[in-house]
Amino acid sequence: MSRSLNKVTLIGNTGSDPDVRTTPSGTRVGKLSLATSRSFQDRSGQQQERTQWHRLTFFGRLVDVVEQWVKKGDRLYVEGRIEYSQTQDDQGGTRYWTDIIVNEMIMLGSGGGGRMDAQPSARGGGYDPPPRQPITEPEDDLPF
């Protein structure tokens, strides 16, 4: 059997607050957009910036964390896998989607536009930001 790997690592800023819904089967799903940007010089020497938007999808306990702590503008580190899908729109046309199914996330802080909810400080007086530890979902579909 040959091995393969479908892994994505992104660091960027959220472009929206999370959209959390429940499927008819009772599964909670969270979605939000993430922007990644790169700077480069074009042929004329002018500095350019390109932004790519990524659709992130969360399942399991990551949905609860994203719903409670992540807001528009926050900076995130995410790891996951790419999934492609297609649906039919109302006019009968085919729409294609590329999603990043997130299985690990680290909150890197607010990106300026978003706010970071705080927890009461254990030291007393004031607030501490939420923990910045990786939050992972078990990865059970790897062939090795």
Protein backbone atom coordinates (compact mmCIF):
# COMPACT_ATOMS: atom_id res chain seq x y z
CA MET A 1 0.00 0.00 0.00
CA SER A 2 1.36 3.42 -0.91
CA ARG A 3 1.16 6.22 1.62
CA SER A 4 -0.37 9.59 0.99
CA LEU A 5 -0.79 12.73 3.03
CA ASN A 6 -3.44 15.43 2.97
CA LYS A 7 -2.30 18.10 5.44
CA VAL A 8 -2.75 21.86 5.50
CA THR A 9 -1.14 24.36 7.89
CA LEU A 10 -2.38 27.96 7.91
CA ILE A 11 -1.78 31.09 9.97
CA GLY A 12 -4.14 33.95 9.28
CA ASN A 13 -6.91 36.22 10.46
CA THR A 14 -10.56 35.29 10.64
CA GLY A 15 -12.81 37.16 8.27
CA SER A 16 -16.04 36.46 10.12
CA ASP A 17 -17.48 35.33 13.41
CA PRO A 18 -18.04 31.56 13.47
CA ASP A 19 -21.26 30.20 11.99
CA VAL A 20 -22.32 27.22 14.11
CA ARG A 21 -25.19 24.99 13.01
CA THR A 22 -26.59 21.58 13.84
CA THR A 23 -27.17 19.02 11.10
CA PRO A 24 -30.43 17.04 10.96
CA SER A 25 -28.53 14.11 12.51
CA GLY A 26 -27.56 16.28 15.51
CA THR A 27 -23.90 16.94 14.61
CA ARG A 28 -22.69 20.45 15.40
CA VAL A 29 -20.58 22.07 12.66
CA GLY A 30 -18.69 25.34 12.83
CA LYS A 31 -17.56 27.34 9.81
CA LEU A 32 -15.58 30.52 9.35
CA SER A 33 -13.30 32.16 6.82
CA LEU A 34 -9.56 32.68 7.28
CA ALA A 35 -7.41 35.12 5.29
CA THR A 36 -3.75 34.47 4.51
CA SER A 37 -1.68 37.13 2.78
CA ARG A 38 1.68 37.28 1.06
CA SER A 39 3.71 40.25 -0.10
CA PHE A 40 5.90 40.34 -3.19
CA GLN A 41 7.41 42.71 -5.73
CA ASP A 42 5.91 42.69 -9.18
CA ARG A 43 7.98 43.01 -12.39
CA SER A 44 8.00 46.78 -12.13
CA GLY A 45 9.36 46.66 -8.57
CA GLN A 46 6.09 47.71 -6.95
CA GLN A 47 5.20 46.04 -3.66
CA GLN A 48 2.05 43.91 -4.00
CA GLU A 49 -0.03 41.94 -1.53
CA ARG A 50 -2.29 39.02 -2.32
CA THR A 51 -4.85 37.63 0.07
CA GLN A 52 -6.31 34.13 -0.17
CA TRP A 53 -9.52 33.17 1.65
CA HIS A 54 -9.96 29.71 3.11
CA ARG A 55 -13.18 28.06 4.32
CA LEU A 56 -12.55 26.38 7.68
CA THR A 57 -14.84 23.65 9.03
CA PHE A 58 -14.80 22.47 12.66
CA PHE A 59 -16.33 19.39 14.28
CA GLY A 60 -16.41 17.90 17.78
CA ARG A 61 -15.18 19.90 20.73
CA LEU A 62 -13.44 22.38 18.43
CA VAL A 63 -16.90 23.74 17.57
CA ASP A 64 -17.48 24.67 21.22
CA VAL A 65 -14.08 26.38 21.49
CA VAL A 66 -14.51 28.29 18.24
CA GLU A 67 -18.03 29.35 19.14
CA GLN A 68 -16.98 30.65 22.56
CA TRP A 69 -13.56 32.18 21.89
CA VAL A 70 -13.04 33.04 18.21
CA LYS A 71 -14.28 36.33 16.77
CA LYS A 72 -13.83 38.20 13.49
CA GLY A 73 -10.25 39.49 13.14
CA ASP A 74 -8.64 36.95 15.49
CA ARG A 75 -5.34 35.38 14.46
CA LEU A 76 -5.33 31.57 14.29
CA TYR A 77 -2.93 28.74 13.57
CA VAL A 78 -4.82 25.75 12.15
CA GLU A 79 -3.91 22.32 10.87
CA GLY A 80 -6.24 20.11 8.96
CA ARG A 81 -6.97 18.45 5.64
CA ILE A 82 -8.44 19.62 2.34
CA GLU A 83 -11.83 18.32 1.24
CA TYR A 84 -13.53 19.12 -2.04
CA SER A 85 -17.29 18.98 -2.53
CA GLN A 86 -19.95 20.14 -4.92
CA THR A 87 -23.62 21.09 -4.67
CA GLN A 88 -26.37 22.11 -7.04
CA ASP A 89 -27.57 25.71 -6.79
CA ASP A 90 -31.18 26.84 -7.27
CA GLN A 91 -30.64 27.36 -11.01
CA GLY A 92 -29.31 23.82 -11.50
CA GLY A 93 -25.69 24.88 -11.77
CA THR A 94 -22.88 23.10 -9.99
CA ARG A 95 -21.04 24.91 -7.19
CA TYR A 96 -17.63 23.66 -6.12
CA TRP A 97 -16.27 24.05 -2.57
CA THR A 98 -12.87 23.63 -1.01
CA ASP A 99 -12.90 23.26 2.76
CA ILE A 100 -10.16 22.90 5.34
CA ILE A 101 -11.36 20.37 7.91
CA VAL A 102 -9.57 21.58 11.04
CA ASN A 103 -8.21 19.04 13.53
CA GLU A 104 -5.86 21.35 15.48
CA MET A 105 -6.07 25.02 16.34
CA ILE A 106 -3.99 27.47 18.36
CA MET A 107 -5.37 30.92 19.10
CA LEU A 108 -2.60 33.44 18.47
CA GLY A 109 -4.48 36.51 19.65
CA SER A 110 -6.69 39.23 18.28
CA GLY A 111 -5.93 40.61 14.87
CA GLY A 112 -7.16 44.07 15.70
CA GLY A 113 -10.75 43.76 14.53
CA GLY A 114 -11.84 41.02 16.88
CA ARG A 115 -12.06 40.82 20.59
CA MET A 116 -10.75 38.09 22.84
CA ASP A 117 -13.13 37.15 25.62
CA ALA A 118 -11.28 36.93 28.90
CA GLN A 119 -11.44 34.64 31.91
CA PRO A 120 -11.09 35.79 35.52
CA SER A 121 -7.45 35.79 36.57
CA ALA A 122 -6.22 33.20 39.05
CA ARG A 123 -3.89 35.91 40.41
CA GLY A 124 -6.83 38.11 41.34
CA GLY A 125 -7.66 41.53 39.96
CA GLY A 126 -7.80 41.66 36.18
CA TYR A 127 -8.23 39.08 33.48
CA ASP A 128 -6.10 36.54 31.68
CA PRO A 129 -6.64 35.60 28.03
CA PRO A 130 -7.81 32.07 27.24
CA PRO A 131 -5.12 29.37 27.16
CA ARG A 132 -3.02 29.16 23.99
CA GLN A 133 -2.58 25.40 23.93
CA PRO A 134 -3.26 23.33 20.83
CA ILE A 135 -6.77 21.95 20.69
CA THR A 136 -6.87 18.77 18.69
CA GLU A 137 -9.34 16.25 17.44
CA PRO A 138 -8.29 12.61 17.10
CA GLU A 139 -7.02 11.81 13.61
CA ASP A 140 -8.15 8.30 12.83
CA ASP A 141 -8.20 8.25 9.05
CA LEU A 142 -4.46 8.16 8.37
CA PRO A 143 -3.26 4.96 6.68
CA PHE A 144 -0.08 4.75 8.77
